[in-house]
Amino acid sequence: MRTASGLTPSHRAALARVAQILAPARSPWWAIAGAAVALQGVSDTMVDDIDVLIDADDFGLVTAVPEVWSLDPGHSDHFRSARYAVAVLADIHVEFMAGLTVRRRGDWVPVVPRSREAVRLAEGVVFVPDRIDLAEMLTLFDRPKDVRRAAQLRGMAGG
């Protein structure tokens, strides 16, 4: 189990709250994108918000929390999700997504991590994809910041 490094106290508090909210989840969940990169040990990662990928069956756990707002998932040209909710936890914007897909070469590709690693925080445990899985996910996202993060993760993973 990894320990979290490179995150602000507010990010740590927000992640601890996410862990608390999702503790009763029946299906796996993950912090993804920038927060996951930082949790994987890339200390110079800029983390603005926290993205959390959950199963649609556990979405009620999130929407039952007063500080979480369930929104129409809307759709961008690049990302879409079946369910979408947002919150501000410890002054950090948090997005919860179920059924996340990303558009690649004209097709919508499901974002489904194949791995799950636990990262211990003082107040709980957060789950992230392993470094290789996360790097592949970020490459799929194909945004400049994600391509950079993927390269950093691959360097740490030795490949």
Protein backbone atom coordinates (compact mmCIF):
# COMPACT_ATOMS: atom_id res chain seq x y z
CA MET A 1 0.00 0.00 0.00
CA ARG A 2 1.36 3.41 -0.99
CA THR A 3 1.24 6.56 1.12
CA ALA A 4 0.18 9.85 -0.42
CA SER A 5 2.79 12.49 -1.16
CA GLY A 6 2.83 15.72 -3.13
CA LEU A 7 -0.71 16.79 -2.29
CA THR A 8 -1.86 19.86 -0.38
CA PRO A 9 -3.60 19.43 2.98
CA SER A 10 -6.87 20.45 1.28
CA HIS A 11 -6.45 17.75 -1.36
CA ARG A 12 -5.73 15.19 1.34
CA ALA A 13 -8.81 16.25 3.29
CA ALA A 14 -10.99 16.09 0.17
CA LEU A 15 -9.66 12.63 -0.71
CA ALA A 16 -10.28 11.47 2.85
CA ARG A 17 -13.89 12.67 2.53
CA VAL A 18 -14.22 10.82 -0.79
CA ALA A 19 -12.93 7.66 0.92
CA GLN A 20 -15.47 8.14 3.70
CA ILE A 21 -18.35 8.66 1.26
CA LEU A 22 -17.41 5.59 -0.79
CA ALA A 23 -16.45 3.28 2.11
CA PRO A 24 -19.71 1.29 1.74
CA ALA A 25 -19.35 0.99 -2.06
CA ARG A 26 -20.08 -2.47 -3.41
CA SER A 27 -18.06 -2.00 -6.60
CA PRO A 28 -14.49 -0.77 -7.11
CA TRP A 29 -13.88 2.97 -7.39
CA TRP A 30 -10.79 4.99 -8.26
CA ALA A 31 -9.34 8.47 -8.08
CA ILE A 32 -8.10 9.10 -11.62
CA ALA A 33 -6.28 11.80 -13.62
CA GLY A 34 -4.11 14.36 -11.79
CA ALA A 35 -4.94 13.29 -8.23
CA ALA A 36 -4.11 9.68 -9.09
CA VAL A 37 -0.82 10.74 -10.66
CA ALA A 38 0.11 12.59 -7.46
CA LEU A 39 -1.00 9.60 -5.37
CA GLN A 40 1.28 7.42 -7.51
CA GLY A 41 4.23 9.54 -6.41
CA VAL A 42 4.69 12.15 -9.16
CA SER A 43 5.29 15.01 -6.74
CA ASP A 44 5.42 17.87 -9.26
CA THR A 45 1.90 17.18 -10.56
CA MET A 46 -0.44 20.17 -10.54
CA VAL A 47 -3.74 18.94 -9.13
CA ASP A 48 -6.62 21.36 -9.50
CA ASP A 49 -9.59 19.09 -8.94
CA ILE A 50 -10.19 15.47 -8.02
CA ASP A 51 -11.82 13.08 -10.49
CA VAL A 52 -13.42 9.93 -9.12
CA LEU A 53 -14.61 7.03 -11.24
CA ILE A 54 -17.39 4.96 -9.64
CA ASP A 55 -19.90 2.31 -10.65
CA ALA A 56 -23.44 3.47 -11.48
CA ASP A 57 -24.78 1.08 -8.83
CA ASP A 58 -22.91 3.04 -6.13
CA PHE A 59 -23.94 6.47 -7.37
CA GLY A 60 -26.60 6.75 -4.66
CA LEU A 61 -23.85 6.83 -2.03
CA VAL A 62 -22.54 10.01 -3.60
CA THR A 63 -25.85 11.75 -4.24
CA ALA A 64 -27.03 11.06 -0.67
CA VAL A 65 -24.34 13.42 0.64
CA PRO A 66 -25.69 16.98 1.15
CA GLU A 67 -22.61 18.71 -0.30
CA VAL A 68 -22.80 16.69 -3.54
CA TRP A 69 -24.91 17.84 -6.49
CA SER A 70 -26.03 15.39 -9.12
CA LEU A 71 -25.98 17.09 -12.51
CA ASP A 72 -27.02 16.28 -16.02
CA PRO A 73 -23.85 14.63 -17.26
CA GLY A 74 -23.89 16.74 -20.38
CA HIS A 75 -21.44 15.80 -23.03
CA SER A 76 -18.31 17.39 -24.38
CA ASP A 77 -16.72 16.57 -27.69
CA HIS A 78 -14.11 14.56 -25.79
CA PHE A 79 -15.64 13.11 -22.60
CA ARG A 80 -19.06 11.93 -21.50
CA SER A 81 -20.44 9.93 -18.61
CA ALA A 82 -23.70 8.18 -17.82
CA ARG A 83 -23.90 9.74 -14.33
CA TYR A 84 -22.16 12.85 -13.06
CA ALA A 85 -22.03 14.69 -9.73
CA VAL A 86 -19.86 17.43 -8.27
CA ALA A 87 -18.93 18.62 -4.81
CA VAL A 88 -16.62 21.05 -3.11
CA LEU A 89 -14.89 19.12 -0.35
CA ALA A 90 -12.29 20.90 1.79
CA ASP A 91 -12.31 23.72 -0.80
CA ILE A 92 -11.42 21.28 -3.61
CA HIS A 93 -13.69 20.68 -6.62
CA VAL A 94 -14.49 16.96 -6.86
CA GLU A 95 -16.17 15.27 -9.83
CA PHE A 96 -17.80 11.84 -9.52
CA MET A 97 -18.38 9.98 -12.79
CA ALA A 98 -20.01 6.67 -13.67
CA GLY A 99 -19.85 5.21 -17.15
CA LEU A 100 -17.07 7.54 -18.30
CA THR A 101 -16.16 7.35 -21.98
CA VAL A 102 -13.60 9.24 -24.05
CA ARG A 103 -13.75 9.92 -27.79
CA ARG A 104 -10.87 8.47 -29.79
CA ARG A 105 -10.74 8.44 -33.58
CA GLY A 106 -14.50 8.89 -33.80
CA ASP A 107 -15.42 6.15 -31.31
CA TRP A 108 -16.52 6.42 -27.68
CA VAL A 109 -14.18 4.24 -25.61
CA PRO A 110 -15.14 3.19 -22.05
CA VAL A 111 -12.70 4.20 -19.32
CA VAL A 112 -12.41 1.10 -17.13
CA PRO A 113 -9.25 0.63 -15.07
CA ARG A 114 -7.89 -2.92 -15.04
CA SER A 115 -5.99 -2.50 -11.78
CA ARG A 116 -6.63 -1.06 -8.34
CA GLU A 117 -4.04 -0.04 -5.77
CA ALA A 118 -4.75 1.25 -2.29
CA VAL A 119 -3.11 4.47 -1.10
CA ARG A 120 -3.24 5.13 2.63
CA LEU A 121 -4.12 8.58 3.88
CA ALA A 122 -4.15 9.47 7.56
CA GLU A 123 -7.96 9.42 7.47
CA GLY A 124 -8.64 6.53 5.11
CA VAL A 125 -7.73 4.64 1.97
CA VAL A 126 -8.08 5.89 -1.61
CA PHE A 127 -7.84 3.65 -4.67
CA VAL A 128 -6.01 4.41 -7.92
CA PRO A 129 -5.08 2.47 -11.06
CA ASP A 130 -1.51 1.16 -11.06
CA ARG A 131 1.09 3.31 -12.82
CA ILE A 132 0.99 1.47 -16.15
CA ASP A 133 -2.82 1.33 -16.24
CA LEU A 134 -3.04 5.01 -15.29
CA ALA A 135 -0.49 5.96 -17.97
CA GLU A 136 -2.55 4.12 -20.59
CA MET A 137 -5.70 5.90 -19.41
CA LEU A 138 -4.01 9.30 -19.60
CA THR A 139 -2.71 8.49 -23.08
CA LEU A 140 -6.28 7.66 -24.08
CA PHE A 141 -7.39 11.09 -22.80
CA ASP A 142 -4.87 12.59 -25.27
CA ARG A 143 -4.66 16.06 -23.76
CA PRO A 144 -1.19 17.64 -23.52
CA LYS A 145 -1.16 17.61 -19.69
CA ASP A 146 -2.25 13.97 -19.66
CA VAL A 147 0.36 12.91 -22.22
CA ARG A 148 3.05 14.56 -20.02
CA ARG A 149 1.72 12.82 -16.91
CA ALA A 150 1.65 9.46 -18.73
CA ALA A 151 5.32 9.88 -19.69
CA GLN A 152 6.23 10.65 -16.07
CA LEU A 153 4.40 7.55 -14.85
CA ARG A 154 6.02 5.35 -17.49
CA GLY A 155 9.43 6.63 -16.41
CA MET A 156 8.66 5.69 -12.80
CA ALA A 157 7.34 2.27 -13.83
CA GLY A 158 10.47 1.59 -15.86
CA GLY A 159 8.70 1.45 -19.19
